[in-house]
Amino acid sequence: MKTPIVGTGGTSMALVAAKGANVVATSGTTGTTSRTRAVSFVASLCKHWGIKYKPQLGSASPSQSGSGKSLLKRFNIRSIMIPALPGFIAMAIVLALSHIPGLEKLNDIFEILLKGLPVLVAVLAAKQISELDEVSIVAGVVAGVLSVEGGLIGGIIGGVMAGIFVRWLFELCLNWRFPMTTVNIVAGGISGLAAGLVMHYLLSPLALSAGNYIKLAIESTLAFSPILAGLLAGLVIWPAILGGVYHAVILPLVLLEMEKSGVSFLGAVDMVGLVMVAAGINLANVIAPREKSEAAVATPGLLINLGFGTFVESAYPFMFANKIVFGSAIFWAGMGGMMLGFFNVKGVAYVPAFASPFLSSNALQMAIVMIATMAMTCLTTIIANRFKPVVQSESTTTAVN
C-alpha cells in the first residue's frame, strides 16, 4: 500500500503523481489560506484511511478555537453590536462635522457610511456564526451589500444566514474532496450571494419594517412625554447595566436610533446617566474621600470617564460600599434623563465627555445637563462620605460608654 501524499502547487504535485506517488489531495494557493489548506488535507487523509473527521473550524488563535456550540447557539447580539460600535461613532463624528459651516459636503459621506452599517454588522454576524475567518468575512460582505435595503436588522439577518451557509458548504465541499480554492469560492462567494439574494428579494422589506417600528416606538414614547421617558430611561439604566441587560437590549436600541439620524436619545441618557454619574462619584472620592487610599482608586476611573466616555464600572466600589451613593446614582441618572427629555436632546455614547456635546443635537443644552448631573452626583457623594464617618464615630462612642 502506497503512502498517501497531500500537497500544494499544481505543477509540482503533477510531477509527483507522474512518478507513481499516491496523491490523495492537491490544492493551489489561489483563494486559500494555510489554515483552510491544512483542514482540506487532513480531511482527505482521514477519508483515505476511513477515519471519521469533523474539523474544528475556529480562529487560528488557540484562545479563540471553535466553540463546539450549535449554529444558533453561537448567535449573540451583544457580540455583534459592541464590535460594530466604532463604525457608528465614526458616522456620528462625520455628522457633527457636517454641521460646521464650510463642511456641509461631509453630509454625503454620512449618507455613504449610513449605507455601510448593514455590511458592517453582516460581516460580524457571519464571522460569529461560522467561526471562520477570511471565508466568513467575504461571505458577510457579499451578503451585507445585498442586505443594505433591510437596514441594520437586515444586515444582521443576512450575516447570520451567510454564516450558516458558509459552515454548511465548507464542510460539504470538504467531504466531496473539492480543491481548496473551489471550497473557498463556494463557501465564501456562493454563501454570501445566496444569503444576500434571499434578503434582497424576500426579507429586506420585512427587516426594514421591523427596524422602523422599533424606532417609531421610541419616537412615539418621546412624543407622548419626553420628560417621563427620560426619567424612566435614566432610572433603569444603572439596574440594566448591573443586571447584564444593557448590552443585550439598550445598546442595540441606541444603534438602531443612530442608524436613522446619527444621534440617539438613549445614547444621550447613557452619557449623562452612566458616564457623568460615575464621573461625579469618582470626582467626589478624589476631592473628599472617606479614606485617603480611595482617592488613588477613584482618580484613574475619573480620567477614563471624562477622557474616553466609558469604564462606568469604576464607580461600583463606592456605590456598593454606601447605600446613599448607590441610591443617589440611580436618582441623579433619572434626573439627568428627565432634563434630556425636557430639552429633547439626543447624543452619542462612548465618546470623550468634552466631545459629547458637539456630537449631540444641541451642544449647549447637552453640556448643561452633563455638568449639572455630574455636579449634583459629586455633591451627594461628598455628603454621603462625610455622613458615614460621623455615624461610625457616634457608634464607637456609644460602644465605649
Foldseek 3Di string as FASTA:
>chain_A
DADEDEEEDDVVVVVVVVVVHHYQAYAYPPQDDPVLSVVLVVLSVCVVVVHDDDDFQADPDPVTTRPPDALVVLDALLQLLVVLQVLLVVLLVLVLQCPDPPNVVSVVVSVVSLLCSLLSSLLSLLCSRQNHPPLLNLLSNLLSNLLSLLGNQSSNQLSSQLNVQLNVQLVVCSNVNDHSNVSSCCSRPVSSNVSSVCNNPPNSVVSNVVLVVLLVVVVVVLVVALLVVLLVLLLCPVVCVVVVNCSRPVSVSQVSNCSVPSWALSQLLLLQLQLLLLLLLLVLCLVANLDPVSNVLSVVSNCCSQAFQDDSVSSVVVCVVFVQLVVLSSNLSSVLRSLCSVVVKTWHGGGHNVCTLSSIPHNVSSVVSSVVSSNVSNVSNNVRSVVVVVVVVVVVVVVVD
